[in-house]
Amino acid sequence: MKNPWIKYLVLRLGTFLVILGGMLALRFDAYFSTFIAATMALALSLLFFSKQRDAVSKSIYEARNKKNDKDSDHEDSAIDKEESN
């Protein structure tokens, strides 16, 4: 998968669903199972999914600090020309 957001989301959600399914198959209470599955999925993601978290944070950083596109550069140069006149 190219998008780190989707990969991380699928891993986190998949971990939660596997744990939840296992607990429900063992006939635990649904509310208790959901709480435990969410807690365990969070802990496992913090321990084992650091590469995916780093990729997501890198994509956030790049999106916030990306270079202007060609249209923005053209508009900026046009404004600079008007200001110099």
N, C-alpha and C. Protein backbone atom coordinates (compact mmCIF):
# COMPACT_ATOMS: atom_id res chain seq x y z
N MET A 1 0.84 -1.19 0.00
CA MET A 1 0.00 0.00 0.00
C MET A 1 0.88 1.24 0.00
N LYS A 2 0.53 2.18 -0.81
CA LYS A 2 1.32 3.39 -0.92
C LYS A 2 0.99 4.41 0.17
N ASN A 3 -0.27 4.49 0.54
CA ASN A 3 -0.69 5.49 1.52
C ASN A 3 -0.44 4.97 2.94
N PRO A 4 0.43 5.63 3.71
CA PRO A 4 0.72 5.15 5.07
C PRO A 4 -0.48 5.25 6.00
N TRP A 5 -1.39 6.18 5.72
CA TRP A 5 -2.58 6.32 6.56
C TRP A 5 -3.45 5.07 6.48
N ILE A 6 -3.65 4.57 5.27
CA ILE A 6 -4.50 3.41 5.07
C ILE A 6 -3.86 2.17 5.69
N LYS A 7 -2.57 2.01 5.48
CA LYS A 7 -1.87 0.86 6.04
C LYS A 7 -1.96 0.85 7.56
N TYR A 8 -1.72 1.98 8.19
CA TYR A 8 -1.77 2.06 9.65
C TYR A 8 -3.19 1.84 10.15
N LEU A 9 -4.17 2.41 9.46
CA LEU A 9 -5.56 2.24 9.86
C LEU A 9 -5.98 0.77 9.76
N VAL A 10 -5.60 0.11 8.68
CA VAL A 10 -5.95 -1.30 8.51
C VAL A 10 -5.30 -2.16 9.58
N LEU A 11 -4.04 -1.88 9.89
CA LEU A 11 -3.36 -2.64 10.94
C LEU A 11 -4.02 -2.46 12.30
N ARG A 12 -4.31 -1.21 12.65
CA ARG A 12 -4.93 -0.94 13.95
C ARG A 12 -6.32 -1.55 14.04
N LEU A 13 -7.12 -1.34 13.01
CA LEU A 13 -8.49 -1.86 13.02
C LEU A 13 -8.49 -3.39 12.98
N GLY A 14 -7.59 -3.97 12.18
CA GLY A 14 -7.49 -5.42 12.12
C GLY A 14 -7.09 -6.03 13.45
N THR A 15 -6.15 -5.41 14.12
CA THR A 15 -5.74 -5.89 15.45
C THR A 15 -6.90 -5.86 16.41
N PHE A 16 -7.63 -4.75 16.42
CA PHE A 16 -8.80 -4.62 17.29
C PHE A 16 -9.83 -5.69 16.98
N LEU A 17 -10.13 -5.89 15.70
CA LEU A 17 -11.17 -6.86 15.32
C LEU A 17 -10.78 -8.30 15.63
N VAL A 18 -9.50 -8.63 15.47
CA VAL A 18 -9.05 -9.99 15.79
C VAL A 18 -9.18 -10.25 17.28
N ILE A 19 -8.74 -9.29 18.09
CA ILE A 19 -8.84 -9.47 19.54
C ILE A 19 -10.31 -9.52 19.97
N LEU A 20 -11.11 -8.62 19.43
CA LEU A 20 -12.53 -8.60 19.77
C LEU A 20 -13.21 -9.90 19.34
N GLY A 21 -12.93 -10.37 18.14
CA GLY A 21 -13.51 -11.62 17.68
C GLY A 21 -13.12 -12.80 18.55
N GLY A 22 -11.86 -12.84 18.96
CA GLY A 22 -11.41 -13.91 19.83
C GLY A 22 -12.10 -13.89 21.18
N MET A 23 -12.26 -12.70 21.73
CA MET A 23 -12.92 -12.60 23.04
C MET A 23 -14.41 -12.93 22.93
N LEU A 24 -15.04 -12.50 21.86
CA LEU A 24 -16.46 -12.83 21.69
C LEU A 24 -16.65 -14.32 21.43
N ALA A 25 -15.69 -14.95 20.74
CA ALA A 25 -15.77 -16.39 20.50
C ALA A 25 -15.64 -17.16 21.81
N LEU A 26 -14.92 -16.58 22.76
CA LEU A 26 -14.78 -17.20 24.09
C LEU A 26 -15.94 -16.83 25.01
N ARG A 27 -16.92 -16.14 24.46
CA ARG A 27 -18.16 -15.76 25.14
C ARG A 27 -17.97 -14.81 26.32
N PHE A 28 -17.07 -13.85 26.15
CA PHE A 28 -16.96 -12.76 27.12
C PHE A 28 -18.10 -11.77 26.86
N ASP A 29 -18.38 -10.93 27.83
CA ASP A 29 -19.38 -9.89 27.68
C ASP A 29 -18.96 -8.94 26.56
N ALA A 30 -19.90 -8.47 25.76
CA ALA A 30 -19.59 -7.64 24.59
C ALA A 30 -18.95 -6.31 25.00
N TYR A 31 -19.47 -5.65 26.02
CA TYR A 31 -18.90 -4.37 26.45
C TYR A 31 -17.49 -4.56 27.01
N PHE A 32 -17.32 -5.56 27.82
CA PHE A 32 -16.02 -5.87 28.39
C PHE A 32 -15.03 -6.21 27.28
N SER A 33 -15.46 -7.02 26.33
CA SER A 33 -14.60 -7.42 25.22
C SER A 33 -14.16 -6.22 24.38
N THR A 34 -15.09 -5.31 24.13
CA THR A 34 -14.76 -4.13 23.34
C THR A 34 -13.72 -3.26 24.04
N PHE A 35 -13.91 -3.06 25.33
CA PHE A 35 -12.96 -2.25 26.11
C PHE A 35 -11.58 -2.90 26.14
N ILE A 36 -11.53 -4.18 26.42
CA ILE A 36 -10.25 -4.89 26.48
C ILE A 36 -9.58 -4.94 25.10
N ALA A 37 -10.36 -5.18 24.06
CA ALA A 37 -9.80 -5.24 22.71
C ALA A 37 -9.23 -3.89 22.29
N ALA A 38 -9.92 -2.81 22.62
CA ALA A 38 -9.41 -1.47 22.28
C ALA A 38 -8.12 -1.18 23.04
N THR A 39 -8.08 -1.53 24.31
CA THR A 39 -6.89 -1.29 25.13
C THR A 39 -5.71 -2.12 24.63
N MET A 40 -5.96 -3.38 24.34
CA MET A 40 -4.89 -4.25 23.85
C MET A 40 -4.41 -3.84 22.46
N ALA A 41 -5.32 -3.44 21.60
CA ALA A 41 -4.94 -3.00 20.25
C ALA A 41 -4.08 -1.73 20.33
N LEU A 42 -4.43 -0.83 21.24
CA LEU A 42 -3.62 0.38 21.42
C LEU A 42 -2.22 0.02 21.90
N ALA A 43 -2.14 -0.86 22.90
CA ALA A 43 -0.84 -1.25 23.43
C ALA A 43 0.01 -1.96 22.38
N LEU A 44 -0.60 -2.85 21.63
CA LEU A 44 0.15 -3.56 20.59
C LEU A 44 0.60 -2.63 19.48
N SER A 45 -0.23 -1.66 19.14
CA SER A 45 0.17 -0.71 18.09
C SER A 45 1.32 0.17 18.55
N LEU A 46 1.33 0.52 19.82
CA LEU A 46 2.44 1.32 20.34
C LEU A 46 3.73 0.52 20.36
N LEU A 47 3.63 -0.78 20.61
CA LEU A 47 4.83 -1.62 20.69
C LEU A 47 5.35 -2.06 19.32
N PHE A 48 4.45 -2.40 18.40
CA PHE A 48 4.87 -3.07 17.18
C PHE A 48 4.69 -2.29 15.88
N PHE A 49 3.95 -1.20 15.89
CA PHE A 49 3.67 -0.49 14.64
C PHE A 49 4.39 0.86 14.57
N SER A 50 5.60 0.92 15.10
CA SER A 50 6.32 2.20 15.12
C SER A 50 6.72 2.65 13.70
N LYS A 51 7.07 1.72 12.83
CA LYS A 51 7.44 2.10 11.46
C LYS A 51 6.26 2.74 10.74
N GLN A 52 5.09 2.16 10.93
CA GLN A 52 3.90 2.70 10.28
C GLN A 52 3.54 4.07 10.88
N ARG A 53 3.67 4.22 12.19
CA ARG A 53 3.40 5.52 12.83
C ARG A 53 4.37 6.58 12.32
N ASP A 54 5.63 6.20 12.18
CA ASP A 54 6.63 7.14 11.65
C ASP A 54 6.30 7.56 10.22
N ALA A 55 5.83 6.61 9.41
CA ALA A 55 5.46 6.93 8.03
C ALA A 55 4.27 7.89 8.00
N VAL A 56 3.30 7.68 8.89
CA VAL A 56 2.14 8.58 8.94
C VAL A 56 2.57 9.97 9.40
N SER A 57 3.42 10.04 10.42
CA SER A 57 3.86 11.36 10.88
C SER A 57 4.71 12.06 9.82
N LYS A 58 5.49 11.29 9.06
CA LYS A 58 6.26 11.89 7.97
C LYS A 58 5.35 12.45 6.90
N SER A 59 4.27 11.73 6.58
CA SER A 59 3.34 12.23 5.56
C SER A 59 2.62 13.49 6.05
N ILE A 60 2.34 13.57 7.34
CA ILE A 60 1.73 14.79 7.90
C ILE A 60 2.71 15.95 7.78
N TYR A 61 3.97 15.71 8.14
CA TYR A 61 4.99 16.75 8.06
C TYR A 61 5.16 17.25 6.63
N GLU A 62 5.24 16.31 5.69
CA GLU A 62 5.43 16.69 4.29
C GLU A 62 4.22 17.45 3.75
N ALA A 63 3.03 17.07 4.18
CA ALA A 63 1.83 17.77 3.71
C ALA A 63 1.79 19.20 4.24
N ARG A 64 2.22 19.39 5.47
CA ARG A 64 2.20 20.74 6.05
C ARG A 64 3.32 21.63 5.53
N ASN A 65 4.42 21.04 5.12
CA ASN A 65 5.59 21.82 4.71
C ASN A 65 5.92 21.65 3.23
N LYS A 66 4.93 21.32 2.42
CA LYS A 66 5.23 21.10 1.01
C LYS A 66 5.47 22.43 0.30
N LYS A 67 6.22 22.34 -0.77
CA LYS A 67 6.54 23.50 -1.59
C LYS A 67 5.28 23.93 -2.33
N ASN A 68 5.19 25.20 -2.61
CA ASN A 68 4.03 25.71 -3.36
C ASN A 68 3.98 25.07 -4.75
N ASP A 69 2.78 24.98 -5.27
CA ASP A 69 2.61 24.43 -6.61
C ASP A 69 2.95 25.49 -7.65
N LYS A 70 2.90 25.15 -8.92
CA LYS A 70 3.29 26.07 -9.99
C LYS A 70 2.40 27.30 -10.05
N ASP A 71 1.11 27.12 -9.81
CA ASP A 71 0.20 28.27 -9.85
C ASP A 71 0.55 29.27 -8.76
N SER A 72 0.84 28.78 -7.57
CA SER A 72 1.18 29.68 -6.47
C SER A 72 2.49 30.41 -6.76
N ASP A 73 3.47 29.69 -7.30
CA ASP A 73 4.73 30.33 -7.65
C ASP A 73 4.52 31.42 -8.71
N HIS A 74 3.69 31.15 -9.70
CA HIS A 74 3.41 32.13 -10.75
C HIS A 74 2.71 33.35 -10.17
N GLU A 75 1.73 33.13 -9.29
CA GLU A 75 1.03 34.25 -8.66
C GLU A 75 1.97 35.08 -7.80
N ASP A 76 2.85 34.41 -7.06
CA ASP A 76 3.80 35.13 -6.23
C ASP A 76 4.75 35.98 -7.06
N SER A 77 5.21 35.45 -8.18
CA SER A 77 6.12 36.22 -9.03
C SER A 77 5.39 37.41 -9.66
N ALA A 78 4.10 37.25 -10.00
CA ALA A 78 3.33 38.35 -10.55
C ALA A 78 3.14 39.45 -9.51
N ILE A 79 2.90 39.08 -8.29
CA ILE A 79 2.76 40.08 -7.21
C ILE A 79 4.06 40.79 -6.96
N ASP A 80 5.17 40.05 -7.00
CA ASP A 80 6.48 40.67 -6.79
C ASP A 80 6.80 41.67 -7.89
N LYS A 81 6.40 41.35 -9.12
CA LYS A 81 6.63 42.29 -10.23
C LYS A 81 5.82 43.56 -10.06
N GLU A 82 4.57 43.42 -9.59
CA GLU A 82 3.73 44.60 -9.39
C GLU A 82 4.26 45.46 -8.28
N GLU A 83 4.78 44.86 -7.24
CA GLU A 83 5.30 45.63 -6.10
C GLU A 83 6.57 46.36 -6.45
N SER A 84 7.37 45.80 -7.36
CA SER A 84 8.63 46.45 -7.74
C SER A 84 8.39 47.64 -8.67
N ASN A 85 7.23 47.72 -9.30
CA ASN A 85 6.92 48.85 -10.21
C ASN A 85 6.44 50.00 -9.47
